[in-house]
Protein backbone atom coordinates (compact mmCIF):
# COMPACT_ATOMS: atom_id res chain seq x y z
CA MET A 1 -8.69 10.73 2.64
CA PRO A 2 -9.04 7.96 0.08
CA GLU A 3 -5.88 9.08 -1.51
CA ASN A 4 -3.85 8.38 1.62
CA CYS A 5 -5.60 4.95 2.00
CA GLN A 6 -4.68 4.04 -1.58
CA MET A 7 -0.99 5.00 -1.00
CA LEU A 8 -0.85 2.84 2.25
CA CYS A 9 -2.41 0.03 0.45
CA LEU A 10 -0.11 0.09 -2.41
CA GLU A 11 2.86 0.09 0.05
CA CYS A 12 1.38 -2.71 2.11
CA ASN A 13 0.99 -4.78 -1.01
CA ARG A 14 4.48 -3.98 -2.25
CA ARG A 15 5.97 -5.11 1.06
CA LYS A 16 3.92 -8.29 0.98
CA SER A 17 5.02 -8.94 -2.56
CA GLY A 18 8.74 -8.18 -1.56
CA ILE A 19 8.73 -11.20 0.64
């Protein structure tokens, strides 16, 4: 499920950038 991994990566990156 690469799609799921990409979605999770995007969420993780957005949260890190939200700091």
